[in-house]
PDB file of all heavy atoms in Angstrom:
ATOM      1  N   ARG A   1    -158.760 169.517 -25.327  1.00  0.00           N
ATOM      2  CA  ARG A   1    -160.081 170.058 -25.626  1.00  0.00           C
ATOM      3  C   ARG A   1    -161.142 169.036 -25.217  1.00  0.00           C
ATOM      4  O   ARG A   1    -161.078 167.878 -25.594  1.00  0.00           O
ATOM      5  CB  ARG A   1    -160.220 170.358 -27.121  1.00  0.00           C
ATOM      6  CG  ARG A   1    -159.249 171.433 -27.628  1.00  0.00           C
ATOM      7  CD  ARG A   1    -159.439 171.666 -29.111  1.00  0.00           C
ATOM      8  NE  ARG A   1    -158.491 172.661 -29.617  1.00  0.00           N
ATOM      9  CZ  ARG A   1    -158.416 173.025 -30.901  1.00  0.00           C
ATOM     10  NH1 ARG A   1    -159.231 172.472 -31.774  1.00  0.00           N
ATOM     11  NH2 ARG A   1    -157.541 173.923 -31.272  1.00  0.00           N
ATOM     12  N   SER A   2    -162.095 169.481 -24.477  1.00  0.00           N
ATOM     13  CA  SER A   2    -163.162 168.583 -24.045  1.00  0.00           C
ATOM     14  C   SER A   2    -164.464 169.370 -23.933  1.00  0.00           C
ATOM     15  O   SER A   2    -164.456 170.579 -23.678  1.00  0.00           O
ATOM     16  CB  SER A   2    -162.814 167.930 -22.694  1.00  0.00           C
ATOM     17  OG  SER A   2    -162.677 168.932 -21.712  1.00  0.00           O
ATOM     18  N   ASP A   3    -165.566 168.703 -24.134  1.00  0.00           N
ATOM     19  CA  ASP A   3    -166.895 169.309 -24.031  1.00  0.00           C
ATOM     20  C   ASP A   3    -167.511 168.847 -22.711  1.00  0.00           C
ATOM     21  O   ASP A   3    -167.811 167.668 -22.528  1.00  0.00           O
ATOM     22  CB  ASP A   3    -167.761 168.880 -25.208  1.00  0.00           C
ATOM     23  CG  ASP A   3    -169.088 169.627 -25.228  1.00  0.00           C
ATOM     24  OD1 ASP A   3    -169.338 170.394 -24.280  1.00  0.00           O
ATOM     25  OD2 ASP A   3    -169.840 169.441 -26.198  1.00  0.00           O
ATOM     26  N   ALA A   4    -167.687 169.786 -21.776  1.00  0.00           N
ATOM     27  CA  ALA A   4    -168.175 169.433 -20.450  1.00  0.00           C
ATOM     28  C   ALA A   4    -169.573 168.852 -20.495  1.00  0.00           C
ATOM     29  O   ALA A   4    -169.978 168.077 -19.628  1.00  0.00           O
ATOM     30  CB  ALA A   4    -168.151 170.670 -19.540  1.00  0.00           C
ATOM     31  N   SER A   5    -170.380 169.235 -21.517  1.00  0.00           N
ATOM     32  CA  SER A   5    -171.753 168.747 -21.606  1.00  0.00           C
ATOM     33  C   SER A   5    -171.841 167.403 -22.293  1.00  0.00           C
ATOM     34  O   SER A   5    -172.909 166.833 -22.422  1.00  0.00           O
ATOM     35  CB  SER A   5    -172.626 169.765 -22.363  1.00  0.00           C
ATOM     36  OG  SER A   5    -172.128 169.922 -23.687  1.00  0.00           O
ATOM     37  N   SER A   6    -170.717 166.914 -22.734  1.00  0.00           N
ATOM     38  CA  SER A   6    -170.714 165.651 -23.475  1.00  0.00           C
ATOM     39  C   SER A   6    -170.006 164.587 -22.654  1.00  0.00           C
ATOM     40  O   SER A   6    -169.145 164.871 -21.821  1.00  0.00           O
ATOM     41  CB  SER A   6    -170.004 165.835 -24.822  1.00  0.00           C
ATOM     42  OG  SER A   6    -169.862 164.589 -25.469  1.00  0.00           O
ATOM     43  N   ASN A   7    -170.414 163.369 -22.885  1.00  0.00           N
ATOM     44  CA  ASN A   7    -169.776 162.237 -22.202  1.00  0.00           C
ATOM     45  C   ASN A   7    -168.599 161.669 -22.982  1.00  0.00           C
ATOM     46  O   ASN A   7    -168.041 160.642 -22.607  1.00  0.00           O
ATOM     47  CB  ASN A   7    -170.808 161.125 -21.971  1.00  0.00           C
ATOM     48  CG  ASN A   7    -171.886 161.554 -20.988  1.00  0.00           C
ATOM     49  OD1 ASN A   7    -171.613 162.335 -20.065  1.00  0.00           O
ATOM     50  ND2 ASN A   7    -173.098 161.040 -21.186  1.00  0.00           N
ATOM     51  N   GLU A   8    -168.269 162.346 -24.067  1.00  0.00           N
ATOM     52  CA  GLU A   8    -167.170 161.848 -24.870  1.00  0.00           C
ATOM     53  C   GLU A   8    -165.837 162.066 -24.148  1.00  0.00           C
ATOM     54  O   GLU A   8    -165.699 162.949 -23.310  1.00  0.00           O
ATOM     55  CB  GLU A   8    -167.132 162.567 -26.224  1.00  0.00           C
ATOM     56  CG  GLU A   8    -168.379 162.305 -27.073  1.00  0.00           C
ATOM     57  CD  GLU A   8    -168.284 163.045 -28.392  1.00  0.00           C
ATOM     58  OE1 GLU A   8    -167.249 163.748 -28.588  1.00  0.00           O
ATOM     59  OE2 GLU A   8    -169.198 162.922 -29.206  1.00  0.00           O
ATOM     60  N   LYS A   9    -164.870 161.256 -24.532  1.00  0.00           N
ATOM     61  CA  LYS A   9    -163.540 161.392 -23.944  1.00  0.00           C
ATOM     62  C   LYS A   9    -162.892 162.687 -24.421  1.00  0.00           C
ATOM     63  O   LYS A   9    -163.164 163.164 -25.512  1.00  0.00           O
ATOM     64  CB  LYS A   9    -162.658 160.197 -24.342  1.00  0.00           C
ATOM     65  CG  LYS A   9    -163.124 158.879 -23.763  1.00  0.00           C
ATOM     66  CD  LYS A   9    -162.164 157.760 -24.165  1.00  0.00           C
ATOM     67  CE  LYS A   9    -162.605 156.439 -23.565  1.00  0.00           C
ATOM     68  NZ  LYS A   9    -161.677 155.335 -23.949  1.00  0.00           N
ATOM     69  N   PRO A  10    -162.024 163.291 -23.594  1.00  0.00           N
ATOM     70  CA  PRO A  10    -161.346 164.517 -24.009  1.00  0.00           C
ATOM     71  C   PRO A  10    -160.507 164.267 -25.254  1.00  0.00           C
ATOM     72  O   PRO A  10    -159.962 163.188 -25.470  1.00  0.00           O
ATOM     73  CB  PRO A  10    -160.458 164.859 -22.801  1.00  0.00           C
ATOM     74  CG  PRO A  10    -161.059 164.126 -21.664  1.00  0.00           C
ATOM     75  CD  PRO A  10    -161.674 162.885 -22.237  1.00  0.00           C
ATOM     76  N   ARG A  11    -160.443 165.296 -26.100  1.00  0.00           N
ATOM     77  CA  ARG A  11    -159.647 165.215 -27.305  1.00  0.00           C
ATOM     78  C   ARG A  11    -158.325 165.952 -27.080  1.00  0.00           C
ATOM     79  O   ARG A  11    -158.309 167.058 -26.556  1.00  0.00           O
ATOM     80  CB  ARG A  11    -160.382 165.831 -28.489  1.00  0.00           C
ATOM     81  CG  ARG A  11    -161.622 165.044 -28.914  1.00  0.00           C
ATOM     82  CD  ARG A  11    -162.281 165.712 -30.097  1.00  0.00           C
ATOM     83  NE  ARG A  11    -162.722 167.070 -29.746  1.00  0.00           N
ATOM     84  CZ  ARG A  11    -163.040 167.984 -30.659  1.00  0.00           C
ATOM     85  NH1 ARG A  11    -162.942 167.700 -31.936  1.00  0.00           N
ATOM     86  NH2 ARG A  11    -163.438 169.173 -30.273  1.00  0.00           N
ATOM     87  N   PHE A  12    -157.242 165.336 -27.501  1.00  0.00           N
ATOM     88  CA  PHE A  12    -155.918 165.908 -27.307  1.00  0.00           C
ATOM     89  C   PHE A  12    -155.396 166.390 -28.662  1.00  0.00           C
ATOM     90  O   PHE A  12    -155.342 165.628 -29.630  1.00  0.00           O
ATOM     91  CB  PHE A  12    -154.950 164.861 -26.726  1.00  0.00           C
ATOM     92  CG  PHE A  12    -155.346 164.402 -25.346  1.00  0.00           C
ATOM     93  CD1 PHE A  12    -156.237 163.340 -25.170  1.00  0.00           C
ATOM     94  CD2 PHE A  12    -154.843 165.042 -24.230  1.00  0.00           C
ATOM     95  CE1 PHE A  12    -156.592 162.926 -23.905  1.00  0.00           C
ATOM     96  CE2 PHE A  12    -155.196 164.618 -22.957  1.00  0.00           C
ATOM     97  CZ  PHE A  12    -156.076 163.562 -22.800  1.00  0.00           C
ATOM     98  N   ASP A  13    -155.060 167.623 -28.731  1.00  0.00           N
ATOM     99  CA  ASP A  13    -154.476 168.196 -29.933  1.00  0.00           C
ATOM    100  C   ASP A  13    -153.078 168.721 -29.601  1.00  0.00           C
ATOM    101  O   ASP A  13    -152.801 169.129 -28.472  1.00  0.00           O
ATOM    102  CB  ASP A  13    -155.329 169.345 -30.473  1.00  0.00           C
ATOM    103  CG  ASP A  13    -156.676 168.835 -30.981  1.00  0.00           C
ATOM    104  OD1 ASP A  13    -156.720 167.656 -31.372  1.00  0.00           O
ATOM    105  OD2 ASP A  13    -157.631 169.617 -30.965  1.00  0.00           O
ATOM    106  N   ILE A  14    -152.209 168.726 -30.584  1.00  0.00           N
ATOM    107  CA  ILE A  14    -150.853 169.224 -30.414  1.00  0.00           C
ATOM    108  C   ILE A  14    -150.719 170.522 -31.187  1.00  0.00           C
ATOM    109  O   ILE A  14    -151.052 170.594 -32.365  1.00  0.00           O
ATOM    110  CB  ILE A  14    -149.810 168.196 -30.909  1.00  0.00           C
ATOM    111  CG1 ILE A  14    -149.949 166.887 -30.126  1.00  0.00           C
ATOM    112  CG2 ILE A  14    -148.400 168.743 -30.794  1.00  0.00           C
ATOM    113  CD1 ILE A  14    -149.018 165.812 -30.607  1.00  0.00           C
ATOM    114  N   ALA A  15    -150.241 171.539 -30.518  1.00  0.00           N
ATOM    115  CA  ALA A  15    -150.078 172.820 -31.174  1.00  0.00           C
ATOM    116  C   ALA A  15    -149.084 172.712 -32.322  1.00  0.00           C
ATOM    117  O   ALA A  15    -148.120 171.952 -32.255  1.00  0.00           O
ATOM    118  CB  ALA A  15    -149.610 173.864 -30.170  1.00  0.00           C
ATOM    119  N   ARG A  16    -149.308 173.459 -33.353  1.00  0.00           N
ATOM    120  CA  ARG A  16    -148.459 173.372 -34.521  1.00  0.00           C
ATOM    121  C   ARG A  16    -147.115 174.067 -34.308  1.00  0.00           C
ATOM    122  O   ARG A  16    -146.135 173.722 -34.957  1.00  0.00           O
ATOM    123  CB  ARG A  16    -149.174 173.979 -35.717  1.00  0.00           C
ATOM    124  CG  ARG A  16    -150.407 173.198 -36.140  1.00  0.00           C
ATOM    125  CD  ARG A  16    -151.052 173.828 -37.347  1.00  0.00           C
ATOM    126  NE  ARG A  16    -152.230 173.073 -37.776  1.00  0.00           N
ATOM    127  CZ  ARG A  16    -152.989 173.423 -38.803  1.00  0.00           C
ATOM    128  NH1 ARG A  16    -152.719 174.524 -39.482  1.00  0.00           N
ATOM    129  NH2 ARG A  16    -154.030 172.684 -39.131  1.00  0.00           N
ATOM    130  N   ASP A  17    -147.078 175.078 -33.465  1.00  0.00           N
ATOM    131  CA  ASP A  17    -145.830 175.810 -33.282  1.00  0.00           C
ATOM    132  C   ASP A  17    -144.825 174.950 -32.511  1.00  0.00           C
ATOM    133  O   ASP A  17    -145.145 174.365 -31.489  1.00  0.00           O
ATOM    134  CB  ASP A  17    -146.078 177.120 -32.548  1.00  0.00           C
ATOM    135  CG  ASP A  17    -146.723 176.899 -31.193  1.00  0.00           C
ATOM    136  OD1 ASP A  17    -147.646 176.060 -31.136  1.00  0.00           O
ATOM    137  OD2 ASP A  17    -146.298 177.545 -30.219  1.00  0.00           O
ATOM    138  N   ILE A  18    -143.634 174.881 -33.039  1.00  0.00           N
ATOM    139  CA  ILE A  18    -142.555 174.086 -32.456  1.00  0.00           C
ATOM    140  C   ILE A  18    -141.420 175.031 -32.088  1.00  0.00           C
ATOM    141  O   ILE A  18    -140.939 175.792 -32.926  1.00  0.00           O
ATOM    142  CB  ILE A  18    -142.052 173.001 -33.424  1.00  0.00           C
ATOM    143  CG1 ILE A  18    -143.192 172.047 -33.795  1.00  0.00           C
ATOM    144  CG2 ILE A  18    -140.878 172.242 -32.812  1.00  0.00           C
ATOM    145  CD1 ILE A  18    -142.786 171.010 -34.814  1.00  0.00           C
ATOM    146  N   LYS A  19    -141.037 174.990 -30.832  1.00  0.00           N
ATOM    147  CA  LYS A  19    -139.920 175.796 -30.366  1.00  0.00           C
ATOM    148  C   LYS A  19    -138.690 174.911 -30.244  1.00  0.00           C
ATOM    149  O   LYS A  19    -138.703 173.901 -29.549  1.00  0.00           O
ATOM    150  CB  LYS A  19    -140.247 176.439 -29.025  1.00  0.00           C
ATOM    151  CG  LYS A  19    -141.388 177.447 -29.088  1.00  0.00           C
ATOM    152  CD  LYS A  19    -141.628 178.064 -27.732  1.00  0.00           C
ATOM    153  CE  LYS A  19    -142.772 179.077 -27.800  1.00  0.00           C
ATOM    154  NZ  LYS A  19    -143.029 179.699 -26.473  1.00  0.00           N
ATOM    155  N   SER A  20    -137.657 175.322 -30.937  1.00  0.00           N
ATOM    156  CA  SER A  20    -136.424 174.538 -30.946  1.00  0.00           C
ATOM    157  C   SER A  20    -135.298 175.355 -30.326  1.00  0.00           C
ATOM    158  O   SER A  20    -135.095 176.520 -30.677  1.00  0.00           O
ATOM    159  CB  SER A  20    -136.042 174.142 -32.373  1.00  0.00           C
ATOM    160  OG  SER A  20    -134.859 173.381 -32.384  1.00  0.00           O
ATOM    161  N   THR A  21    -134.589 174.748 -29.396  1.00  0.00           N
ATOM    162  CA  THR A  21    -133.445 175.386 -28.751  1.00  0.00           C
ATOM    163  C   THR A  21    -132.250 174.446 -28.778  1.00  0.00           C
ATOM    164  O   THR A  21    -132.410 173.218 -28.785  1.00  0.00           O
ATOM    165  CB  THR A  21    -133.760 175.765 -27.292  1.00  0.00           C
ATOM    166  OG1 THR A  21    -134.119 174.574 -26.571  1.00  0.00           O
ATOM    167  CG2 THR A  21    -134.902 176.768 -27.221  1.00  0.00           C
ATOM    168  N   VAL A  22    -131.072 175.030 -28.798  1.00  0.00           N
ATOM    169  CA  VAL A  22    -129.828 174.257 -28.761  1.00  0.00           C
ATOM    170  C   VAL A  22    -129.072 174.625 -27.493  1.00  0.00           C
ATOM    171  O   VAL A  22    -128.808 175.805 -27.244  1.00  0.00           O
ATOM    172  CB  VAL A  22    -128.954 174.527 -30.000  1.00  0.00           C
ATOM    173  CG1 VAL A  22    -127.634 173.767 -29.894  1.00  0.00           C
ATOM    174  CG2 VAL A  22    -129.704 174.130 -31.270  1.00  0.00           C
ATOM    175  N   SER A  23    -128.756 173.624 -26.692  1.00  0.00           N
ATOM    176  CA  SER A  23    -128.091 173.855 -25.415  1.00  0.00           C
ATOM    177  C   SER A  23    -126.862 172.957 -25.302  1.00  0.00           C
ATOM    178  O   SER A  23    -126.837 171.844 -25.847  1.00  0.00           O
ATOM    179  CB  SER A  23    -129.039 173.562 -24.244  1.00  0.00           C
ATOM    180  OG  SER A  23    -130.210 174.347 -24.342  1.00  0.00           O
ATOM    181  N   PRO A  24    -125.826 173.414 -24.593  1.00  0.00           N
ATOM    182  CA  PRO A  24    -124.654 172.560 -24.368  1.00  0.00           C
ATOM    183  C   PRO A  24    -124.949 171.502 -23.312  1.00  0.00           C
ATOM    184  O   PRO A  24    -125.822 171.673 -22.462  1.00  0.00           O
ATOM    185  CB  PRO A  24    -123.591 173.552 -23.889  1.00  0.00           C
ATOM    186  CG  PRO A  24    -124.360 174.653 -23.248  1.00  0.00           C
ATOM    187  CD  PRO A  24    -125.649 174.757 -24.013  1.00  0.00           C
ATOM    188  N   PHE A  25    -124.218 170.408 -23.351  1.00  0.00           N
ATOM    189  CA  PHE A  25    -124.343 169.373 -22.326  1.00  0.00           C
ATOM    190  C   PHE A  25    -122.963 168.808 -22.013  1.00  0.00           C
ATOM    191  O   PHE A  25    -122.063 168.824 -22.851  1.00  0.00           O
ATOM    192  CB  PHE A  25    -125.291 168.251 -22.776  1.00  0.00           C
ATOM    193  CG  PHE A  25    -124.750 167.382 -23.891  1.00  0.00           C
ATOM    194  CD1 PHE A  25    -123.942 166.279 -23.618  1.00  0.00           C
ATOM    195  CD2 PHE A  25    -125.055 167.654 -25.217  1.00  0.00           C
ATOM    196  CE1 PHE A  25    -123.442 165.476 -24.640  1.00  0.00           C
ATOM    197  CE2 PHE A  25    -124.564 166.864 -26.247  1.00  0.00           C
ATOM    198  CZ  PHE A  25    -123.752 165.768 -25.957  1.00  0.00           C
ATOM    199  N   LEU A  26    -122.817 168.328 -20.777  1.00  0.00           N
ATOM    200  CA  LEU A  26    -121.596 167.647 -20.368  1.00  0.00           C
ATOM    201  C   LEU A  26    -121.799 166.150 -20.228  1.00  0.00           C
ATOM    202  O   LEU A  26    -120.828 165.398 -20.230  1.00  0.00           O
ATOM    203  CB  LEU A  26    -121.072 168.225 -19.046  1.00  0.00           C
ATOM    204  CG  LEU A  26    -120.499 169.642 -19.120  1.00  0.00           C
ATOM    205  CD1 LEU A  26    -120.058 170.122 -17.740  1.00  0.00           C
ATOM    206  CD2 LEU A  26    -119.326 169.715 -20.087  1.00  0.00           C
ATOM    207  N   PHE A  27    -123.054 165.713 -20.053  1.00  0.00           N
ATOM    208  CA  PHE A  27    -123.347 164.280 -20.110  1.00  0.00           C
ATOM    209  C   PHE A  27    -124.805 164.093 -20.505  1.00  0.00           C
ATOM    210  O   PHE A  27    -125.638 164.988 -20.334  1.00  0.00           O
ATOM    211  CB  PHE A  27    -123.019 163.553 -18.796  1.00  0.00           C
ATOM    212  CG  PHE A  27    -123.644 164.150 -17.569  1.00  0.00           C
ATOM    213  CD1 PHE A  27    -124.951 163.861 -17.216  1.00  0.00           C
ATOM    214  CD2 PHE A  27    -122.912 164.984 -16.736  1.00  0.00           C
ATOM    215  CE1 PHE A  27    -125.519 164.391 -16.076  1.00  0.00           C
ATOM    216  CE2 PHE A  27    -123.463 165.510 -15.595  1.00  0.00           C
ATOM    217  CZ  PHE A  27    -124.775 165.224 -15.260  1.00  0.00           C
ATOM    218  N   LEU A  28    -125.089 162.924 -21.070  1.00  0.00           N
ATOM    219  CA  LEU A  28    -126.428 162.584 -21.520  1.00  0.00           C
ATOM    220  C   LEU A  28    -127.093 161.685 -20.484  1.00  0.00           C
ATOM    221  O   LEU A  28    -126.522 160.668 -20.074  1.00  0.00           O
ATOM    222  CB  LEU A  28    -126.373 161.862 -22.871  1.00  0.00           C
ATOM    223  CG  LEU A  28    -125.783 162.653 -24.051  1.00  0.00           C
ATOM    224  CD1 LEU A  28    -125.667 161.754 -25.274  1.00  0.00           C
ATOM    225  CD2 LEU A  28    -126.639 163.876 -24.369  1.00  0.00           C
TER     226      LEU A  28
END
């Protein structure tokens, strides 16, 4: 989020929704 009319640095927000998935693996 940033205000184009402002000289302030952009603000970074993290969305609250978290998507979790489980996947198989053969190596890390």
